[in-house]
Amino acid sequence: MDTTDDLDTIDTLVERARIAQAAYEAQGTQELFDLAAQAVGWALMKPEHNAALSKLAVRETGLGNVADKIKKNHNKTLGLLRDIKGIKSFGHIGDDAETGLSTYLRPKGVIAAIVPSTNPLATPVNNIINALKCGNAIIVAPSPKGARPLAALMEHIHENLRAIGADTNLVQMVPIPPSKVKTNRLMELADLLVVTGSQNNVRAGYSSGTPALGVGQGNVVTIIDDTADLNDAAAKIAASKTFDNATSCSSENSVIILRSVYEEALRALEDAGGLVLNEADSDQLINTHWVNGKMSTALLAQDIDVILERTGLSDKARPNTRFLIVPTTEAGEGALISGEKMSRFLSLYVAENFEEAVSLAIKIQEYQGAGHSLGLHSKDDAKAHHLAMAARTCRVIVNQAHCFATGGFFDNGMPFSLSMGCGSWGGNSIDGNLNWEHFVNKVRIVRVIKENKPELEDIFTGFWEKAHQ
């Protein structure tokens, strides 16, 4: 197929989506939109679907592990459906007599979602549910490795949409094989882009000329202070670091421990499955994972036995080894070990006090991960407040397993999402978790009210007194 055929294919997809979306909105009711969202959720959450699709995703992408993908697909989808249950996302939502404003919600139109190979099922389903909840149509552009799992998922989605009488053209995907030509054309024609994955994709989305919601790079740094429950912190870090073989952008990549509890905390991390490497083994790991300064696929999101074998560490591992620990003092620009890893190892630092730990965390995230999130294990809530004002981060996750908590979980108040905005620090247009509110346009009726015009004294008195004017 030549480039012209590729462009024509995408043009046809978008045209079908526009027709389907117009009809969906015209006959739209909240009941219909909610039903469509449920249909998509069950297409993935149905246990036999989830198991088969998760196996296919791991086989095709070579990333993660089946059991954890099943859990991720279930929990992320269930949590999202919980979040949006009972939410009015279409039509008239309220009047304000004081301001004279009435507010309506309308769909954006045709959404284009660019999704990564790390989450080839949960991320598109999250985007599709949010789109349909708000009356949109959506076209998903998968990564090459994630295309076949998505195509299989689409069959279940279309089956469920037909069961409720909905047009299957509301949910489409870029045909296999996906390509940059097709994706770029889609980005040009859509009404809104949602881009999750590589920073190259995010930058392409922002430069496409279409309004875009991109999310920043993760490179989570977690601080353990001298008030922390060390065993609890270690268990949560281990669970987060190893879940789905660290495919999550919210998996811990660096841990900073205060000197006063360093030895005890390190023993707790070892008891939780961490294997501490010496300098030579650390160098071998680094040179395997990064080649000429770029991340290779050798250790990327692999099982621990694969990592141990490829780094020559099998004989040194203990029976409980689940992840690797690289003690280091190198951080920031030029220190690959302090960057995002997406593998079952983390860099470990010691800080003399909390202020030094904060400075080090900032240095690491100025290199990679600005705006995304920081972790803190502490019983001193004032330190979380300090981090919120000192670091360039949009989330401070306290005493939680980071990769579960950042995208929302059943025991915290964040919206369930697989796409975390990083604000201006991460070069993003949003600073919160991507959710249904990003998939609507707000329309306001504006009426005349009693004039509310202040006198100059009401505004400038403070300045006049200070400036002696």
Foldseek 3Di string as FASTA:
>chain_A
DDLVVLLVVLVVLQVLQQVQLVVCQVPDDLVQLLLLLVQLLCLCLVVVNVQVLLVLLCVLLVFFDRVLSSVVSNFLSVQQNVVCVPPDQAAWDDADPQQRKTKGWAFLEEEEEEDESLNLRNAVSQVLSLRSSNRYAYEYEYAQSSQVSVVSSLVSSLVSCVVVPGDSSSYYYSDPPGDPSNSLSNLLPGQEYEYEDDVVRVVSSVPSPHHYFYAFAAAEEEEEEPAFPLLLVLLLLLCQLQRRQLSASFRHAEYEYEPVCVVVSVVSNVVNAEDEDDPVLVVLLVCQQAPPRHGDCQFANHFPVSSCVSSVNPVVGDPRHGAYEYEDDDAAPPPSSLGDRNGRYHYYHYDNHLVRVLVRSQRRVLRPHFQDEYEYGHPDVVSVVVSVPPHRYLYYHYSHNGSQPSQHGPPDDARHASGAHRPVRRPGPDRGGDGSVVRIDMDMDGDDDPDDDDDPCVPCVVVCVVVVD
